[in-house]
């Protein structure tokens, strides 16, 4: 786990039960900078769940940052909250699709269809994920969701460009 704010780590330890455990390493720092120092293929999965206000910090999800993420991890997911027309989510999805061979989106059907804003989890992977099983699980959830597979991601992206560092 990487957290930029040491106060959040302290709060989690003091009041939310974050404890030292085998396999759990908590680092304070910028996620992108710490990830850049990781060896190729050193993580099975990475979840980007970072926000400044309600937005994912852009420097964590540019094409260059996501390419570095793909270098380190077999699977990466980015939690995004976006408003209609989901331009941020589409740009991040475009970046994941360019960095990984397979890209996916999980969210409420209306959000994935861009009829309303909301929460979407975007993922990229080096190997295909079990799409039928993921779709069945999402549909059976208490708050039913949907999953877009790689073949549907170009429609979700809608031709929007991925974000770049420069």
C-alpha atoms as a PDB file:
ATOM      1  CA  UNK A   1       0.000   0.000   0.000  1.00  0.00           C
ATOM      2  CA  UNK A   2       1.262   3.433  -0.914  1.00  0.00           C
ATOM      3  CA  UNK A   3      -0.243   6.525   0.647  1.00  0.00           C
ATOM      4  CA  UNK A   4       0.870  10.066  -0.078  1.00  0.00           C
ATOM      5  CA  UNK A   5      -0.304  11.546   3.232  1.00  0.00           C
ATOM      6  CA  UNK A   6       1.430  10.212   6.369  1.00  0.00           C
ATOM      7  CA  UNK A   7      -1.515  11.516   8.401  1.00  0.00           C
ATOM      8  CA  UNK A   8      -3.842   9.091   6.604  1.00  0.00           C
ATOM      9  CA  UNK A   9      -1.544   6.164   7.462  1.00  0.00           C
ATOM     10  CA  UNK A  10      -1.423   7.276  11.106  1.00  0.00           C
ATOM     11  CA  UNK A  11      -5.209   7.654  11.203  1.00  0.00           C
ATOM     12  CA  UNK A  12      -5.652   4.193   9.690  1.00  0.00           C
ATOM     13  CA  UNK A  13      -3.289   2.672  12.246  1.00  0.00           C
ATOM     14  CA  UNK A  14      -4.698   4.521  15.234  1.00  0.00           C
ATOM     15  CA  UNK A  15      -8.434   4.431  14.520  1.00  0.00           C
ATOM     16  CA  UNK A  16      -9.220   2.040  11.658  1.00  0.00           C
ATOM     17  CA  UNK A  17      -7.299  -1.073  12.669  1.00  0.00           C
ATOM     18  CA  UNK A  18      -4.473  -0.999  10.129  1.00  0.00           C
ATOM     19  CA  UNK A  19      -1.908  -3.370  11.617  1.00  0.00           C
ATOM     20  CA  UNK A  20       1.369  -4.786  10.497  1.00  0.00           C
ATOM     21  CA  UNK A  21       0.820  -8.131   8.800  1.00  0.00           C
ATOM     22  CA  UNK A  22       2.894 -10.528   6.729  1.00  0.00           C
ATOM     23  CA  UNK A  23       2.820  -9.481   3.084  1.00  0.00           C
ATOM     24  CA  UNK A  24       1.456  -5.999   3.799  1.00  0.00           C
ATOM     25  CA  UNK A  25       3.889  -3.160   3.315  1.00  0.00           C
ATOM     26  CA  UNK A  26       2.760   0.401   3.815  1.00  0.00           C
ATOM     27  CA  UNK A  27       4.850   3.107   2.180  1.00  0.00           C
ATOM     28  CA  UNK A  28       4.404   6.852   2.393  1.00  0.00           C
ATOM     29  CA  UNK A  29       5.089   8.636  -0.860  1.00  0.00           C
ATOM     30  CA  UNK A  30       3.860   9.309  -4.362  1.00  0.00           C
ATOM     31  CA  UNK A  31       2.565   6.105  -5.929  1.00  0.00           C
ATOM     32  CA  UNK A  32       3.960   6.831  -9.356  1.00  0.00           C
ATOM     33  CA  UNK A  33       7.444   7.614  -8.060  1.00  0.00           C
ATOM     34  CA  UNK A  34       7.562   4.487  -5.893  1.00  0.00           C
ATOM     35  CA  UNK A  35       6.191   2.322  -8.713  1.00  0.00           C
ATOM     36  CA  UNK A  36       8.878   3.604 -11.093  1.00  0.00           C
ATOM     37  CA  UNK A  37      11.528   2.033  -8.851  1.00  0.00           C
ATOM     38  CA  UNK A  38       9.868  -1.409  -8.851  1.00  0.00           C
ATOM     39  CA  UNK A  39      11.386  -4.175 -10.982  1.00  0.00           C
ATOM     40  CA  UNK A  40       9.604  -5.441 -14.086  1.00  0.00           C
ATOM     41  CA  UNK A  41       6.886  -7.983 -13.299  1.00  0.00           C
ATOM     42  CA  UNK A  42       7.259  -7.552  -9.539  1.00  0.00           C
ATOM     43  CA  UNK A  43       3.516  -7.230  -8.762  1.00  0.00           C
ATOM     44  CA  UNK A  44       0.616  -9.496  -9.578  1.00  0.00           C
ATOM     45  CA  UNK A  45      -1.879  -6.642  -9.294  1.00  0.00           C
ATOM     46  CA  UNK A  46      -1.992  -2.934  -8.502  1.00  0.00           C
ATOM     47  CA  UNK A  47      -5.092  -0.951  -7.569  1.00  0.00           C
ATOM     48  CA  UNK A  48      -5.054   2.810  -8.041  1.00  0.00           C
ATOM     49  CA  UNK A  49      -7.608   4.218  -5.622  1.00  0.00           C
ATOM     50  CA  UNK A  50      -6.386   7.779  -5.247  1.00  0.00           C
ATOM     51  CA  UNK A  51      -8.319  11.006  -5.293  1.00  0.00           C
ATOM     52  CA  UNK A  52      -7.758  14.727  -5.021  1.00  0.00           C
ATOM     53  CA  UNK A  53     -11.270  15.893  -4.317  1.00  0.00           C
ATOM     54  CA  UNK A  54     -13.363  13.616  -6.502  1.00  0.00           C
ATOM     55  CA  UNK A  55     -10.788  13.125  -9.280  1.00  0.00           C
ATOM     56  CA  UNK A  56      -7.971  10.665  -9.812  1.00  0.00           C
ATOM     57  CA  UNK A  57      -4.689  12.605  -9.822  1.00  0.00           C
ATOM     58  CA  UNK A  58      -3.890  12.926 -13.504  1.00  0.00           C
ATOM     59  CA  UNK A  59      -0.156  12.159 -13.146  1.00  0.00           C
ATOM     60  CA  UNK A  60      -1.071   8.655 -11.906  1.00  0.00           C
ATOM     61  CA  UNK A  61      -3.042   7.767 -15.053  1.00  0.00           C
ATOM     62  CA  UNK A  62      -1.240   9.301 -18.030  1.00  0.00           C
ATOM     63  CA  UNK A  63      -0.177   7.013 -20.870  1.00  0.00           C
ATOM     64  CA  UNK A  64       3.376   7.060 -19.517  1.00  0.00           C
ATOM     65  CA  UNK A  65       2.305   6.243 -15.941  1.00  0.00           C
ATOM     66  CA  UNK A  66       0.059   3.410 -17.131  1.00  0.00           C
ATOM     67  CA  UNK A  67       2.821   2.027 -19.350  1.00  0.00           C
ATOM     68  CA  UNK A  68       5.068   1.903 -16.272  1.00  0.00           C
ATOM     69  CA  UNK A  69       2.250   0.237 -14.349  1.00  0.00           C
ATOM     70  CA  UNK A  70       1.973  -2.402 -17.090  1.00  0.00           C
ATOM     71  CA  UNK A  71       5.714  -2.980 -16.826  1.00  0.00           C
ATOM     72  CA  UNK A  72       5.396  -3.781 -13.121  1.00  0.00           C
ATOM     73  CA  UNK A  73       2.006  -5.523 -12.801  1.00  0.00           C
ATOM     74  CA  UNK A  74       0.140  -8.310 -14.596  1.00  0.00           C
ATOM     75  CA  UNK A  75      -3.169  -6.653 -13.722  1.00  0.00           C
ATOM     76  CA  UNK A  76      -3.983  -3.050 -12.848  1.00  0.00           C
ATOM     77  CA  UNK A  77      -7.271  -1.452 -11.828  1.00  0.00           C
ATOM     78  CA  UNK A  78      -8.152   2.219 -11.438  1.00  0.00           C
ATOM     79  CA  UNK A  79     -11.142   3.336  -9.387  1.00  0.00           C
ATOM     80  CA  UNK A  80     -12.720   6.369 -11.088  1.00  0.00           C
ATOM     81  CA  UNK A  81     -15.623   8.590 -10.087  1.00  0.00           C
ATOM     82  CA  UNK A  82     -16.726  10.726 -13.002  1.00  0.00           C
ATOM     83  CA  UNK A  83     -19.588  12.898 -14.164  1.00  0.00           C
ATOM     84  CA  UNK A  84     -21.442  12.603 -17.430  1.00  0.00           C
ATOM     85  CA  UNK A  85     -20.108  12.336 -20.183  1.00  0.00           C
ATOM     86  CA  UNK A  86     -17.322  10.393 -18.351  1.00  0.00           C
ATOM     87  CA  UNK A  87     -14.469  12.077 -20.195  1.00  0.00           C
ATOM     88  CA  UNK A  88     -11.936  11.336 -17.436  1.00  0.00           C
ATOM     89  CA  UNK A  89     -12.911   7.664 -17.352  1.00  0.00           C
ATOM     90  CA  UNK A  90     -12.701   7.414 -21.148  1.00  0.00           C
ATOM     91  CA  UNK A  91      -9.214   8.997 -21.209  1.00  0.00           C
ATOM     92  CA  UNK A  92      -7.988   6.638 -18.475  1.00  0.00           C
ATOM     93  CA  UNK A  93      -9.543   3.670 -20.311  1.00  0.00           C
ATOM     94  CA  UNK A  94      -7.738   4.754 -23.497  1.00  0.00           C
ATOM     95  CA  UNK A  95      -4.464   4.812 -21.569  1.00  0.00           C
ATOM     96  CA  UNK A  96      -5.051   1.353 -20.092  1.00  0.00           C
ATOM     97  CA  UNK A  97      -5.966  -0.022 -23.522  1.00  0.00           C
ATOM     98  CA  UNK A  98      -2.703   1.318 -24.928  1.00  0.00           C
ATOM     99  CA  UNK A  99      -0.592  -0.051 -22.045  1.00  0.00           C
ATOM    100  CA  UNK A 100      -2.158  -3.518 -21.668  1.00  0.00           C
ATOM    101  CA  UNK A 101      -3.308  -6.066 -24.251  1.00  0.00           C
ATOM    102  CA  UNK A 102      -6.710  -6.355 -22.538  1.00  0.00           C
ATOM    103  CA  UNK A 103      -8.865  -3.579 -21.033  1.00  0.00           C
ATOM    104  CA  UNK A 104     -12.118  -3.818 -19.055  1.00  0.00           C
ATOM    105  CA  UNK A 105     -14.645  -1.639 -17.238  1.00  0.00           C
ATOM    106  CA  UNK A 106     -16.918  -2.501 -14.301  1.00  0.00           C
ATOM    107  CA  UNK A 107     -19.782  -0.301 -13.174  1.00  0.00           C
ATOM    108  CA  UNK A 108     -23.508   0.269 -13.202  1.00  0.00           C
ATOM    109  CA  UNK A 109     -25.009  -0.306 -16.636  1.00  0.00           C
ATOM    110  CA  UNK A 110     -26.170   3.322 -16.907  1.00  0.00           C
ATOM    111  CA  UNK A 111     -22.675   4.568 -16.058  1.00  0.00           C
ATOM    112  CA  UNK A 112     -20.974   2.277 -18.581  1.00  0.00           C
ATOM    113  CA  UNK A 113     -23.502   3.426 -21.198  1.00  0.00           C
ATOM    114  CA  UNK A 114     -22.651   7.039 -20.206  1.00  0.00           C
ATOM    115  CA  UNK A 115     -26.292   7.865 -19.459  1.00  0.00           C
ATOM    116  CA  UNK A 116     -25.217   9.115 -16.020  1.00  0.00           C
ATOM    117  CA  UNK A 117     -22.089   9.736 -14.022  1.00  0.00           C
ATOM    118  CA  UNK A 118     -20.874   7.502 -11.250  1.00  0.00           C
ATOM    119  CA  UNK A 119     -18.221   5.036 -10.196  1.00  0.00           C
ATOM    120  CA  UNK A 120     -16.394   2.835 -12.690  1.00  0.00           C
ATOM    121  CA  UNK A 121     -13.448   0.519 -12.131  1.00  0.00           C
ATOM    122  CA  UNK A 122     -11.202   0.349 -15.175  1.00  0.00           C
ATOM    123  CA  UNK A 123      -8.723  -2.498 -15.540  1.00  0.00           C
ATOM    124  CA  UNK A 124      -5.913  -3.567 -17.811  1.00  0.00           C
ATOM    125  CA  UNK A 125      -4.336  -7.009 -17.903  1.00  0.00           C
ATOM    126  CA  UNK A 126      -1.670  -8.905 -19.742  1.00  0.00           C
ATOM    127  CA  UNK A 127      -3.874 -12.002 -19.898  1.00  0.00           C
ATOM    128  CA  UNK A 128      -7.586 -12.292 -20.709  1.00  0.00           C
ATOM    129  CA  UNK A 129      -9.851 -12.260 -17.663  1.00  0.00           C
ATOM    130  CA  UNK A 130     -12.802 -14.697 -17.243  1.00  0.00           C
ATOM    131  CA  UNK A 131     -15.334 -12.288 -18.720  1.00  0.00           C
ATOM    132  CA  UNK A 132     -18.406 -14.544 -18.437  1.00  0.00           C
ATOM    133  CA  UNK A 133     -17.698 -15.210 -14.762  1.00  0.00           C
ATOM    134  CA  UNK A 134     -17.056 -11.513 -14.056  1.00  0.00           C
ATOM    135  CA  UNK A 135     -20.288 -10.517 -15.792  1.00  0.00           C
ATOM    136  CA  UNK A 136     -22.313 -13.112 -13.867  1.00  0.00           C
ATOM    137  CA  UNK A 137     -20.795 -11.996 -10.562  1.00  0.00           C
ATOM    138  CA  UNK A 138     -21.403  -8.300 -11.302  1.00  0.00           C
ATOM    139  CA  UNK A 139     -25.025  -8.954 -12.300  1.00  0.00           C
ATOM    140  CA  UNK A 140     -25.675 -11.001  -9.152  1.00  0.00           C
ATOM    141  CA  UNK A 141     -24.364  -8.335  -6.788  1.00  0.00           C
ATOM    142  CA  UNK A 142     -26.719  -6.519  -4.404  1.00  0.00           C
ATOM    143  CA  UNK A 143     -26.198  -3.421  -6.578  1.00  0.00           C
ATOM    144  CA  UNK A 144     -26.082  -5.086  -9.998  1.00  0.00           C
ATOM    145  CA  UNK A 145     -23.338  -3.991 -12.315  1.00  0.00           C
ATOM    146  CA  UNK A 146     -22.049  -4.751 -15.762  1.00  0.00           C
ATOM    147  CA  UNK A 147     -18.654  -5.497 -17.248  1.00  0.00           C
ATOM    148  CA  UNK A 148     -17.351  -4.277 -20.589  1.00  0.00           C
ATOM    149  CA  UNK A 149     -14.802  -6.508 -22.253  1.00  0.00           C
ATOM    150  CA  UNK A 150     -11.944  -5.580 -24.562  1.00  0.00           C
ATOM    151  CA  UNK A 151     -14.165  -5.647 -27.637  1.00  0.00           C
ATOM    152  CA  UNK A 152     -16.518  -3.050 -26.072  1.00  0.00           C
ATOM    153  CA  UNK A 153     -13.879  -0.688 -24.729  1.00  0.00           C
ATOM    154  CA  UNK A 154     -13.417   1.305 -27.980  1.00  0.00           C
ATOM    155  CA  UNK A 155     -17.083   2.341 -27.743  1.00  0.00           C
ATOM    156  CA  UNK A 156     -16.608   3.367 -24.095  1.00  0.00           C
ATOM    157  CA  UNK A 157     -13.472   5.364 -24.990  1.00  0.00           C
ATOM    158  CA  UNK A 158     -15.346   7.006 -27.850  1.00  0.00           C
ATOM    159  CA  UNK A 159     -12.204   8.179 -29.608  1.00  0.00           C
ATOM    160  CA  UNK A 160     -11.014  10.332 -26.696  1.00  0.00           C
ATOM    161  CA  UNK A 161      -7.223  10.501 -26.444  1.00  0.00           C
ATOM    162  CA  UNK A 162      -5.303   9.131 -23.507  1.00  0.00           C
ATOM    163  CA  UNK A 163      -3.728  11.684 -21.227  1.00  0.00           C
ATOM    164  CA  UNK A 164      -0.015  12.387 -21.706  1.00  0.00           C
ATOM    165  CA  UNK A 165       2.614  13.743 -19.331  1.00  0.00           C
ATOM    166  CA  UNK A 166       3.506  16.670 -21.540  1.00  0.00           C
END
